[in-house]
Amino acid sequence: MLHVPSGSRWTGGSIEFQQTDGRPIASRKVVSGTMRIDLPANARILLRKLGHEDWMFYIAMENARVENLISYLVSGEFRKDYPSLRPGQVPPAAFHLPDLRKALSTFEYSLE
């Protein structure tokens, strides 16, 4: 779900939903309100508007829940939950795959 506030700088521009390799999925004019579209978790969004620099982002990397789950692993925070681990060990449960799957299945973002 993509929220576009009435004062968004992208209102009146265009939005293109793309595959990871840039192949288009769909495109629309940006209007205020809420956009709903089914996308693969690795999709990206390209925004264009005259007078603004194009902006592209991958939806998974702008998903706060996905970022938190990845950060839990990358930062080593999981070690607090598994104090008996030796260096280099990461238990499978630390990946929180059911939570990651759920987080990847939803996307909510606001275009300011």
Protein backbone atom coordinates (compact mmCIF):
# COMPACT_ATOMS: atom_id res chain seq x y z
CA MET A 1 0.00 0.00 0.00
CA LEU A 2 1.41 3.36 -1.00
CA HIS A 3 0.07 6.50 0.65
CA VAL A 4 0.33 9.77 -1.25
CA PRO A 5 -0.47 12.78 0.95
CA SER A 6 -2.09 15.76 -0.76
CA GLY A 7 1.10 17.79 -0.36
CA SER A 8 3.43 15.14 -1.78
CA ARG A 9 6.08 16.52 -4.12
CA TRP A 10 5.37 13.54 -6.44
CA THR A 11 1.68 14.41 -7.01
CA GLY A 12 1.18 14.93 -10.74
CA GLY A 13 4.28 12.91 -11.64
CA SER A 14 4.45 9.29 -12.71
CA ILE A 15 5.13 6.09 -10.83
CA GLU A 16 6.39 2.93 -12.47
CA PHE A 17 6.40 -0.40 -10.71
CA GLN A 18 9.22 -2.56 -12.05
CA GLN A 19 10.77 -5.99 -11.83
CA THR A 20 14.25 -6.02 -10.26
CA ASP A 21 15.81 -5.91 -13.72
CA GLY A 22 13.81 -2.83 -14.72
CA ARG A 23 11.09 -4.55 -16.75
CA PRO A 24 7.84 -2.65 -16.18
CA ILE A 25 4.97 -4.18 -14.23
CA ALA A 26 2.60 -1.20 -14.27
CA SER A 27 2.66 2.59 -14.34
CA ARG A 28 0.31 5.27 -13.11
CA LYS A 29 0.00 8.97 -12.60
CA VAL A 30 0.68 9.93 -8.99
CA VAL A 31 -2.44 11.29 -7.32
CA SER A 32 -3.11 11.85 -3.66
CA GLY A 33 -4.73 8.98 -1.85
CA THR A 34 -3.82 5.33 -1.46
CA MET A 35 -2.46 3.07 -4.20
CA ARG A 36 -2.86 -0.67 -3.89
CA ILE A 37 -1.08 -3.06 -6.22
CA ASP A 38 0.16 -6.65 -5.91
CA LEU A 39 3.90 -6.77 -6.51
CA PRO A 40 6.69 -9.30 -6.09
CA ALA A 41 8.70 -8.70 -2.90
CA ASN A 42 11.76 -7.75 -4.94
CA ALA A 43 9.96 -5.10 -7.02
CA ARG A 44 11.17 -1.56 -7.28
CA ILE A 45 9.45 1.77 -7.74
CA LEU A 46 10.58 4.56 -10.04
CA LEU A 47 9.14 8.03 -9.51
CA ARG A 48 9.44 10.79 -12.08
CA LYS A 49 8.28 14.37 -12.11
CA LEU A 50 9.37 17.30 -14.21
CA GLY A 51 11.67 19.53 -12.17
CA HIS A 52 12.66 16.72 -9.77
CA GLU A 53 15.40 14.15 -9.93
CA ASP A 54 14.07 10.64 -10.61
CA TRP A 55 13.87 8.49 -7.48
CA MET A 56 14.05 4.70 -7.50
CA PHE A 57 13.82 2.36 -4.53
CA TYR A 58 13.29 -1.33 -3.83
CA ILE A 59 10.17 -1.95 -1.78
CA ALA A 60 11.79 -4.58 0.46
CA MET A 61 14.50 -2.11 1.49
CA GLU A 62 11.95 0.54 2.43
CA ASN A 63 9.95 -1.92 4.51
CA ALA A 64 10.68 -1.10 8.17
CA ARG A 65 9.77 -4.57 9.41
CA VAL A 66 12.09 -6.25 6.88
CA GLU A 67 14.87 -3.81 7.81
CA ASN A 68 14.44 -4.62 11.51
CA LEU A 69 14.60 -8.37 10.92
CA ILE A 70 17.73 -8.06 8.78
CA SER A 71 19.34 -5.68 11.25
CA TYR A 72 18.76 -8.22 14.02
CA LEU A 73 21.07 -10.60 12.14
CA VAL A 74 23.59 -8.15 10.71
CA SER A 75 24.15 -6.31 13.99
CA GLY A 76 24.61 -9.57 15.90
CA GLU A 77 21.73 -8.69 18.22
CA PHE A 78 20.60 -12.34 17.98
CA ARG A 79 23.56 -13.24 20.22
CA LYS A 80 21.68 -11.81 23.20
CA ASP A 81 18.94 -14.38 22.61
CA TYR A 82 21.44 -17.22 22.11
CA PRO A 83 24.31 -16.50 24.54
CA SER A 84 25.96 -19.93 24.25
CA LEU A 85 26.85 -19.54 20.56
CA ARG A 86 30.41 -19.78 19.39
CA PRO A 87 31.83 -17.22 16.92
CA GLY A 88 30.38 -17.71 13.46
CA GLN A 89 27.32 -19.62 14.61
CA VAL A 90 23.85 -18.40 13.73
CA PRO A 91 20.95 -20.65 14.70
CA PRO A 92 18.27 -21.10 12.02
CA ALA A 93 15.60 -19.72 14.38
CA ALA A 94 17.44 -16.37 14.45
CA PHE A 95 16.44 -15.78 10.84
CA HIS A 96 12.77 -15.51 11.89
CA LEU A 97 11.72 -16.81 8.47
CA PRO A 98 7.95 -16.85 9.15
CA ASP A 99 8.14 -13.21 10.29
CA LEU A 100 10.32 -12.26 7.33
CA ARG A 101 7.93 -13.94 4.93
CA LYS A 102 5.00 -12.06 6.45
CA ALA A 103 6.91 -8.75 6.36
CA LEU A 104 7.81 -9.27 2.69
CA SER A 105 4.18 -9.95 1.82
CA THR A 106 3.09 -6.47 2.90
CA PHE A 107 4.42 -3.04 2.10
CA GLU A 108 3.23 0.25 3.45
CA TYR A 109 4.96 3.49 2.60
CA SER A 110 4.18 7.18 2.40
CA LEU A 111 5.42 9.39 -0.44
CA GLU A 112 6.14 12.72 1.17
